[in-house]
Amino acid sequence: MADPIGRDTDSFLKSLGFPALRVHEALRHFDFSIASRRILVIGPMGSGKTEYSARLWRDARVASRKGAAVAALTTRLDSQASLFRADEGLGDADRRNIFFVRSRLDRARFPDYPEDALAFRGGYERCGDRIATVRDSFDLEALILAHPETGTWVVDEAAFYDERIAYLMRNESERRGLVFVCPTLILNFRREIFNPTARLLVETATDVYPLTAYCEHQDCIEDSFYTYRYYLVGGRECPALYFDPLIIVGGDREKDDPREPNYCTRCDAHHYLPGKEYTFFTLKPLGEAAGRGDLSPLREELALMHGNIEKSLLFGAFRRRYLDREDPVNENMAALEVPCIAERALCYLFAEQNLVSADQTRSLAKDLDLDADYLSRRLADNRRPIPF
């Protein structure tokens, strides 16, 4: 039998003259009393992931002014962590003590803010000595050991780190009751799981807080779940190709340089991602042939991308897929106006797919007079630097 309490409450409120309302739960203050959590705060760029961390920081300052009874709650462990503490003599960490961790890959964001700033698009919080930049999971592990009193760790953009970080956070959470909050991208600009680290973060999480944003297309107000990468070429929006380099380090400011990407958040209808079919039908097979020693077809395609794109297989694929139809998608054709398309394709095949060697990459770049500076920066961003 259905519980009648809800209907009785509705009837009672109506009898007092109140209308029937749909009541939603507002964003709640953080609960520092719960131990051993791994919390993912996910959503597209601009959805407020880091701002959520700043709110947590402010909540901690309020909670830290509470008395001994609250301190007992925020240092209490769950049963599993209590067993570890008994076995290993581990001390208590207060979950109101927060440390904010930034990735070294993210240094270029918000360059005008103080060094100790937990910065987000709407402002920042000064964290003093409770913020640090780390390179990998080993740096994070050393930081945790150096701050045994810290019970809550905010690890920004955790998906940028090595896969080991997911298990490090799980183990420290289970051993000592530590809480890890990870505001991070799970999907990349291709709407795919960002990398193996992102997948492991999902597998080992205890809680997920999904955030959305308005689609930033000027004619849309739908919920957006996706990060959209685009370039400005002569003031025109040009979507990134599917095989655009996966990681491009840079700030959040709008950039007019057509070699440097911009980001916003978009819904399904306005998230343009041209070239995916071409990548798997043509570009990857060319790379696989190069890996077997037949470099000529790839060299020919890259040469056309670089110097005569309308003769390339890429342009032909775009014309058939986006123009030769009743409803042409001109937005996708604009992707071919972005410079360094051959360099992007070569970076994808070497740094991400491992289909061409470092020697082949250098040889192709030299033979085709590709932009060595662009290639060097993008390969370094993707942790596959090679000298040119």
Protein backbone atom coordinates (compact mmCIF):
# COMPACT_ATOMS: atom_id res chain seq x y z
CA MET A 1 0.00 0.00 0.00
CA ALA A 2 1.36 3.44 -0.92
CA ASP A 3 2.47 5.71 1.89
CA PRO A 4 -0.27 8.39 2.26
CA ILE A 5 1.89 10.88 4.16
CA GLY A 6 2.79 12.88 1.06
CA ARG A 7 -0.84 13.24 -0.02
CA ASP A 8 -1.90 14.17 3.52
CA THR A 9 0.79 16.84 3.67
CA ASP A 10 -0.32 18.27 0.33
CA SER A 11 -3.92 18.41 1.51
CA PHE A 12 -2.94 20.06 4.79
CA LEU A 13 -0.88 22.75 3.05
CA LYS A 14 -3.73 23.43 0.65
CA SER A 15 -6.07 23.84 3.62
CA LEU A 16 -3.77 26.59 4.91
CA GLY A 17 -3.87 28.35 1.56
CA PHE A 18 -0.46 27.26 0.23
CA PRO A 19 -0.19 26.25 -3.44
CA ALA A 20 1.12 22.86 -4.57
CA LEU A 21 4.85 23.31 -5.19
CA ARG A 22 7.66 21.13 -6.43
CA VAL A 23 10.41 21.48 -3.84
CA HIS A 24 14.00 20.88 -4.89
CA GLU A 25 16.97 20.30 -2.62
CA ALA A 26 19.43 23.17 -2.81
CA LEU A 27 23.18 22.59 -2.88
CA ARG A 28 24.00 21.48 0.64
CA HIS A 29 26.98 22.33 2.81
CA PHE A 30 29.71 19.72 2.75
CA ASP A 31 29.41 16.94 5.33
CA PHE A 32 32.84 16.61 6.97
CA SER A 33 31.60 13.88 9.32
CA ILE A 34 31.67 11.13 6.66
CA ALA A 35 35.03 9.39 6.25
CA SER A 36 36.64 7.43 3.41
CA ARG A 37 35.01 9.08 0.42
CA ARG A 38 36.34 9.56 -3.11
CA ILE A 39 34.14 12.23 -4.64
CA LEU A 40 34.15 13.04 -8.34
CA VAL A 41 32.86 16.49 -9.28
CA ILE A 42 32.36 16.18 -13.02
CA GLY A 43 31.01 18.29 -15.82
CA PRO A 44 32.15 20.25 -18.89
CA MET A 45 34.50 23.21 -18.74
CA GLY A 46 32.69 26.16 -17.23
CA SER A 47 30.20 24.10 -15.23
CA GLY A 48 31.59 25.22 -11.86
CA LYS A 49 33.76 22.29 -10.78
CA THR A 50 36.51 24.43 -9.25
CA GLU A 51 33.94 26.86 -7.87
CA TYR A 52 32.46 23.87 -6.01
CA SER A 53 35.91 23.35 -4.47
CA ALA A 54 36.00 26.99 -3.38
CA ARG A 55 32.63 26.53 -1.68
CA LEU A 56 34.02 23.47 0.12
CA TRP A 57 37.00 25.58 1.23
CA ARG A 58 34.63 28.18 2.70
CA ASP A 59 32.54 25.49 4.40
CA ALA A 60 35.70 24.13 6.04
CA ARG A 61 36.53 27.54 7.48
CA VAL A 62 33.09 27.74 9.08
CA ALA A 63 33.21 24.15 10.34
CA SER A 64 36.69 24.68 11.81
CA ARG A 65 35.31 27.25 14.23
CA LYS A 66 33.06 24.64 15.84
CA GLY A 67 33.84 23.01 19.18
CA ALA A 68 35.17 19.70 20.44
CA ALA A 69 31.97 17.78 19.73
CA VAL A 70 32.25 18.62 16.01
CA ALA A 71 35.96 17.81 16.02
CA ALA A 72 35.10 14.34 17.30
CA LEU A 73 32.73 13.88 14.36
CA THR A 74 35.16 15.13 11.73
CA THR A 75 38.04 12.92 12.89
CA ARG A 76 35.99 9.79 13.51
CA LEU A 77 36.80 6.93 11.13
CA ASP A 78 34.65 4.26 9.59
CA SER A 79 35.11 0.66 10.75
CA GLN A 80 37.58 -0.33 8.01
CA ALA A 81 39.86 2.66 8.58
CA SER A 82 39.66 2.13 12.34
CA LEU A 83 41.08 -1.37 11.90
CA PHE A 84 43.99 0.02 9.87
CA ARG A 85 44.65 2.66 12.51
CA ALA A 86 44.73 0.06 15.25
CA ASP A 87 47.13 -2.12 13.25
CA GLU A 88 49.45 0.64 12.05
CA GLY A 89 49.24 3.26 14.78
CA LEU A 90 47.88 5.87 12.37
CA GLY A 91 46.91 9.23 13.84
CA ASP A 92 43.69 11.12 13.27
CA ALA A 93 43.27 13.48 10.34
CA ASP A 94 40.59 16.15 10.66
CA ARG A 95 38.47 16.36 7.52
CA ARG A 96 37.93 20.08 8.14
CA ASN A 97 41.62 20.50 7.30
CA ILE A 98 41.72 20.91 3.53
CA PHE A 99 44.63 20.92 1.12
CA PHE A 100 44.20 21.98 -2.50
CA VAL A 101 46.33 20.24 -5.17
CA ARG A 102 46.93 21.60 -8.66
CA SER A 103 48.43 19.88 -11.68
CA ARG A 104 51.61 21.27 -13.22
CA LEU A 105 49.92 20.95 -16.60
CA ASP A 106 47.43 23.57 -15.42
CA ARG A 107 49.96 26.27 -14.59
CA ALA A 108 48.93 28.46 -17.50
CA ARG A 109 45.40 28.96 -16.21
CA PHE A 110 44.58 32.25 -14.51
CA PRO A 111 48.09 33.77 -14.77
CA ASP A 112 46.96 37.06 -13.21
CA TYR A 113 45.96 35.50 -9.88
CA PRO A 114 48.17 35.13 -6.77
CA GLU A 115 50.34 32.04 -6.49
CA ASP A 116 48.29 30.68 -3.59
CA ALA A 117 44.94 31.25 -5.29
CA LEU A 118 42.32 28.58 -5.75
CA ALA A 119 41.09 30.29 -8.90
CA PHE A 120 37.88 29.84 -10.84
CA ARG A 121 36.10 31.86 -13.48
CA GLY A 122 34.14 33.92 -11.00
CA GLY A 123 36.95 34.71 -8.56
CA TYR A 124 39.36 32.95 -6.23
CA GLU A 125 40.14 31.89 -2.68
CA ARG A 126 43.53 32.48 -1.06
CA CYS A 127 44.79 29.18 0.38
CA GLY A 128 48.11 30.26 1.87
CA ASP A 129 50.32 27.24 2.54
CA ARG A 130 47.42 24.83 1.97
CA ILE A 131 47.89 24.67 -1.79
CA ALA A 132 50.60 23.03 -3.90
CA THR A 133 51.38 22.07 -7.47
CA VAL A 134 52.35 18.46 -8.10
CA ARG A 135 53.61 16.56 -11.12
CA ASP A 136 52.29 13.03 -10.55
CA SER A 137 50.87 10.56 -8.03
CA PHE A 138 54.26 10.16 -6.35
CA ASP A 139 54.38 13.90 -5.61
CA LEU A 140 50.86 13.68 -4.19
CA GLU A 141 51.84 10.71 -2.03
CA ALA A 142 54.77 12.66 -0.58
CA LEU A 143 52.50 15.62 0.09
CA ILE A 144 50.01 13.44 1.97
CA LEU A 145 52.81 12.01 4.10
CA ALA A 146 54.05 15.53 4.87
CA HIS A 147 50.61 16.67 6.07
CA PRO A 148 49.19 13.88 8.26
CA GLU A 149 46.73 16.29 9.90
CA THR A 150 44.91 16.92 6.60
CA GLY A 151 41.70 14.94 6.21
CA THR A 152 40.31 16.35 2.94
CA TRP A 153 42.31 16.62 -0.26
CA VAL A 154 40.95 18.52 -3.26
CA VAL A 155 42.82 17.20 -6.31
CA ASP A 156 41.97 19.46 -9.23
CA GLU A 157 41.89 17.89 -12.70
CA ALA A 158 42.82 14.46 -11.32
CA ALA A 159 42.42 12.93 -14.79
CA PHE A 160 45.61 14.76 -15.85
CA TYR A 161 47.72 12.49 -13.63
CA ASP A 162 49.02 8.94 -14.06
CA GLU A 163 46.63 6.01 -13.45
CA ARG A 164 48.28 5.19 -10.12
CA ILE A 165 46.59 8.20 -8.53
CA ALA A 166 43.20 6.47 -8.49
CA TYR A 167 44.54 3.61 -6.37
CA LEU A 168 46.63 5.91 -4.19
CA MET A 169 43.51 7.88 -3.25
CA ARG A 170 41.47 4.72 -2.71
CA ASN A 171 44.13 3.17 -0.47
CA GLU A 172 44.69 6.31 1.61
CA SER A 173 40.94 6.77 1.90
CA GLU A 174 40.41 3.23 3.15
CA ARG A 175 43.47 3.21 5.44
CA ARG A 176 43.03 6.55 7.16
CA GLY A 177 39.51 7.71 6.38
CA LEU A 178 40.81 10.54 4.17
CA VAL A 179 38.39 12.22 1.80
CA PHE A 180 39.44 13.07 -1.75
CA VAL A 181 37.43 15.52 -3.84
CA CYS A 182 38.32 15.48 -7.52
CA PRO A 183 36.88 18.25 -9.71
CA THR A 184 37.82 16.88 -13.11
CA LEU A 185 36.90 16.38 -16.71
CA ILE A 186 35.81 12.83 -17.42
CA LEU A 187 34.95 13.43 -21.09
CA ASN A 188 37.38 15.12 -23.46
CA PHE A 189 36.44 17.49 -26.30
CA ARG A 190 35.68 14.37 -28.40
CA ARG A 191 32.93 13.35 -25.93
CA GLU A 192 34.96 10.26 -25.02
CA ILE A 193 36.38 9.10 -21.68
CA PHE A 194 39.36 11.41 -21.27
CA ASN A 195 41.99 8.73 -20.65
CA PRO A 196 42.65 5.56 -18.58
CA THR A 197 43.04 7.65 -15.44
CA ALA A 198 39.55 9.09 -15.86
CA ARG A 199 38.14 5.60 -16.27
CA LEU A 200 39.86 4.40 -13.07
CA LEU A 201 38.63 7.45 -11.17
CA VAL A 202 35.07 6.49 -12.06
CA GLU A 203 35.66 2.87 -11.07
CA THR A 204 37.11 3.75 -7.66
CA ALA A 205 34.82 6.66 -6.71
CA THR A 206 32.29 6.44 -3.89
CA ASP A 207 30.29 9.56 -4.90
CA VAL A 208 29.74 11.53 -8.08
CA TYR A 209 28.44 15.09 -8.26
CA PRO A 210 27.54 15.80 -11.92
CA LEU A 211 27.37 19.47 -12.90
CA THR A 212 25.96 20.97 -16.06
CA ALA A 213 25.93 24.40 -17.64
CA TYR A 214 23.87 26.26 -20.17
CA CYS A 215 24.89 25.53 -23.73
CA GLU A 216 27.02 28.51 -24.75
CA HIS A 217 25.68 28.65 -28.29
CA GLN A 218 24.04 32.05 -28.68
CA ASP A 219 20.72 30.56 -29.78
CA CYS A 220 20.43 27.83 -27.13
CA ILE A 221 19.66 27.51 -23.43
CA GLU A 222 19.65 23.71 -23.14
CA ASP A 223 21.67 21.81 -20.54
CA SER A 224 25.18 21.14 -21.68
CA PHE A 225 27.30 18.15 -20.70
CA TYR A 226 30.17 18.48 -23.17
CA THR A 227 33.34 20.51 -23.52
CA TYR A 228 33.60 22.03 -26.98
CA ARG A 229 36.93 23.03 -28.53
CA TYR A 230 37.06 25.56 -31.34
CA TYR A 231 39.40 28.04 -32.99
CA LEU A 232 38.84 31.61 -34.14
CA VAL A 233 39.98 32.21 -37.72
CA GLY A 234 39.32 35.75 -38.86
CA GLY A 235 36.66 36.02 -36.16
CA ARG A 236 34.85 32.89 -37.37
CA GLU A 237 34.23 29.89 -35.10
CA CYS A 238 35.94 26.80 -36.49
CA PRO A 239 35.39 23.52 -34.62
CA ALA A 240 38.35 21.36 -33.73
CA LEU A 241 38.88 18.30 -35.88
CA TYR A 242 38.40 14.92 -34.21
CA PHE A 243 42.13 14.24 -34.56
CA ASP A 244 43.11 17.55 -32.95
CA PRO A 245 45.80 16.95 -30.26
CA LEU A 246 44.14 15.48 -27.20
CA ILE A 247 45.87 17.76 -24.67
CA ILE A 248 46.63 21.40 -25.37
CA VAL A 249 47.90 23.30 -22.35
CA GLY A 250 46.61 26.84 -22.09
CA GLY A 251 44.54 29.35 -20.16
CA ASP A 252 40.84 30.04 -20.03
CA ARG A 253 40.98 33.36 -21.84
CA GLU A 254 39.60 33.77 -25.35
CA LYS A 255 42.36 33.56 -27.94
CA ASP A 256 42.35 35.00 -31.46
CA ASP A 257 45.42 33.02 -32.53
CA PRO A 258 44.04 30.34 -34.90
CA ARG A 259 46.71 27.91 -33.63
CA GLU A 260 45.43 28.13 -30.04
CA PRO A 261 42.06 26.68 -29.00
CA ASN A 262 39.14 28.18 -27.19
CA TYR A 263 36.69 26.21 -25.08
CA CYS A 264 33.09 26.46 -24.10
CA THR A 265 30.32 24.08 -23.15
CA ARG A 266 27.76 22.85 -25.65
CA CYS A 267 24.70 20.62 -25.89
CA ASP A 268 24.34 17.69 -28.30
CA ALA A 269 22.99 19.80 -31.14
CA HIS A 270 25.74 22.44 -31.03
CA HIS A 271 28.77 20.30 -30.22
CA TYR A 272 30.41 20.06 -33.66
CA LEU A 273 33.08 17.37 -34.05
CA PRO A 274 34.02 16.92 -37.71
CA GLY A 275 36.41 14.30 -39.02
CA LYS A 276 35.73 11.32 -36.79
CA GLU A 277 34.75 9.05 -39.67
CA TYR A 278 37.74 10.23 -41.72
CA THR A 279 40.06 9.49 -38.79
CA PHE A 280 39.05 5.83 -38.60
CA PHE A 281 38.42 5.20 -42.30
CA THR A 282 41.48 6.98 -43.69
CA LEU A 283 43.96 8.61 -41.30
CA LYS A 284 44.54 5.65 -38.99
CA PRO A 285 44.90 3.14 -41.88
CA LEU A 286 47.49 5.48 -43.44
CA GLY A 287 49.32 5.52 -40.12
CA GLU A 288 49.14 1.74 -39.82
CA ALA A 289 50.63 1.41 -43.33
CA ALA A 290 53.42 3.80 -42.33
CA GLY A 291 54.09 1.66 -39.26
CA ARG A 292 54.56 -1.33 -41.58
CA GLY A 293 57.10 0.64 -43.61
CA ASP A 294 54.90 2.08 -46.40
CA LEU A 295 55.19 5.80 -45.66
CA SER A 296 54.34 7.15 -49.13
CA PRO A 297 50.51 7.27 -48.87
CA LEU A 298 50.66 9.11 -45.54
CA ARG A 299 53.29 11.50 -46.84
CA GLU A 300 51.12 12.29 -49.87
CA GLU A 301 48.02 12.96 -47.75
CA LEU A 302 49.92 15.15 -45.29
CA ALA A 303 51.50 17.09 -48.17
CA LEU A 304 48.03 17.83 -49.59
CA MET A 305 46.69 18.81 -46.16
CA HIS A 306 49.63 21.19 -45.86
CA GLY A 307 49.69 22.72 -49.33
CA ASN A 308 46.57 21.87 -51.36
CA ILE A 309 43.85 20.73 -49.01
CA GLU A 310 41.07 20.67 -51.61
CA LYS A 311 42.88 17.79 -53.31
CA SER A 312 43.23 15.80 -50.09
CA LEU A 313 41.26 12.75 -49.02
CA LEU A 314 40.23 14.77 -45.98
CA PHE A 315 38.52 17.43 -48.06
CA GLY A 316 36.79 14.79 -50.20
CA ALA A 317 35.47 13.04 -47.12
CA PHE A 318 34.18 16.34 -45.71
CA ARG A 319 32.51 17.30 -48.99
CA ARG A 320 30.66 13.98 -49.19
CA ARG A 321 29.64 13.94 -45.53
CA TYR A 322 28.84 17.59 -44.83
CA LEU A 323 28.09 19.31 -48.15
CA ASP A 324 26.57 16.76 -50.55
CA ARG A 325 23.32 16.48 -48.60
CA GLU A 326 19.95 18.21 -48.34
CA ASP A 327 20.94 19.98 -45.10
CA PRO A 328 24.63 21.00 -45.46
CA VAL A 329 26.58 21.38 -42.20
CA ASN A 330 28.72 24.40 -42.99
CA GLU A 331 29.89 24.62 -39.38
CA ASN A 332 31.84 21.39 -39.86
CA MET A 333 33.41 22.56 -43.11
CA ALA A 334 34.85 25.54 -41.21
CA ALA A 335 37.20 23.13 -39.41
CA LEU A 336 39.32 23.02 -42.60
CA GLU A 337 40.15 26.72 -42.23
CA VAL A 338 42.28 26.08 -39.13
CA PRO A 339 46.05 26.13 -39.78
CA CYS A 340 48.49 23.27 -39.11
CA ILE A 341 46.05 20.48 -40.06
CA ALA A 342 48.87 18.22 -41.26
CA GLU A 343 50.76 18.86 -38.01
CA ARG A 344 47.66 17.93 -36.00
CA ALA A 345 47.22 14.71 -37.94
CA LEU A 346 50.86 13.76 -37.46
CA CYS A 347 50.70 14.53 -33.74
CA TYR A 348 47.63 12.30 -33.42
CA LEU A 349 49.33 9.38 -35.18
CA PHE A 350 52.55 9.65 -33.17
CA ALA A 351 51.63 10.90 -29.68
CA GLU A 352 48.26 9.27 -29.28
CA GLN A 353 48.09 6.25 -31.58
CA ASN A 354 51.78 5.24 -31.65
CA LEU A 355 51.44 4.35 -35.32
CA VAL A 356 54.40 6.33 -36.63
CA SER A 357 57.82 6.47 -35.02
CA ALA A 358 59.73 9.48 -33.74
CA ASP A 359 62.11 9.18 -36.71
CA GLN A 360 59.21 9.08 -39.18
CA THR A 361 57.63 12.08 -37.47
CA ARG A 362 60.85 14.10 -37.74
CA SER A 363 61.36 12.99 -41.34
CA LEU A 364 57.85 13.93 -42.43
CA ALA A 365 58.01 17.28 -40.64
CA LYS A 366 61.30 18.11 -42.38
CA ASP A 367 60.37 16.80 -45.85
CA LEU A 368 57.01 18.61 -45.87
CA ASP A 369 58.30 21.79 -44.19
CA LEU A 370 55.76 21.48 -41.39
CA ASP A 371 55.62 23.92 -38.47
CA ALA A 372 58.24 22.43 -36.13
CA ASP A 373 57.46 24.89 -33.34
CA TYR A 374 53.77 23.94 -33.33
CA LEU A 375 54.61 20.24 -33.39
CA SER A 376 57.13 20.60 -30.56
CA ARG A 377 54.64 22.39 -28.30
CA ARG A 378 51.79 19.98 -28.97
CA LEU A 379 53.95 16.88 -28.49
CA ALA A 380 55.27 18.31 -25.22
CA ASP A 381 51.69 18.98 -24.08
CA ASN A 382 50.94 15.30 -24.71
CA ARG A 383 54.10 14.10 -22.93
CA ARG A 384 55.75 12.80 -26.11
CA PRO A 385 58.38 15.48 -26.77
CA ILE A 386 60.92 14.92 -29.54
CA PRO A 387 63.58 17.29 -30.89
CA PHE A 388 63.19 18.70 -34.40
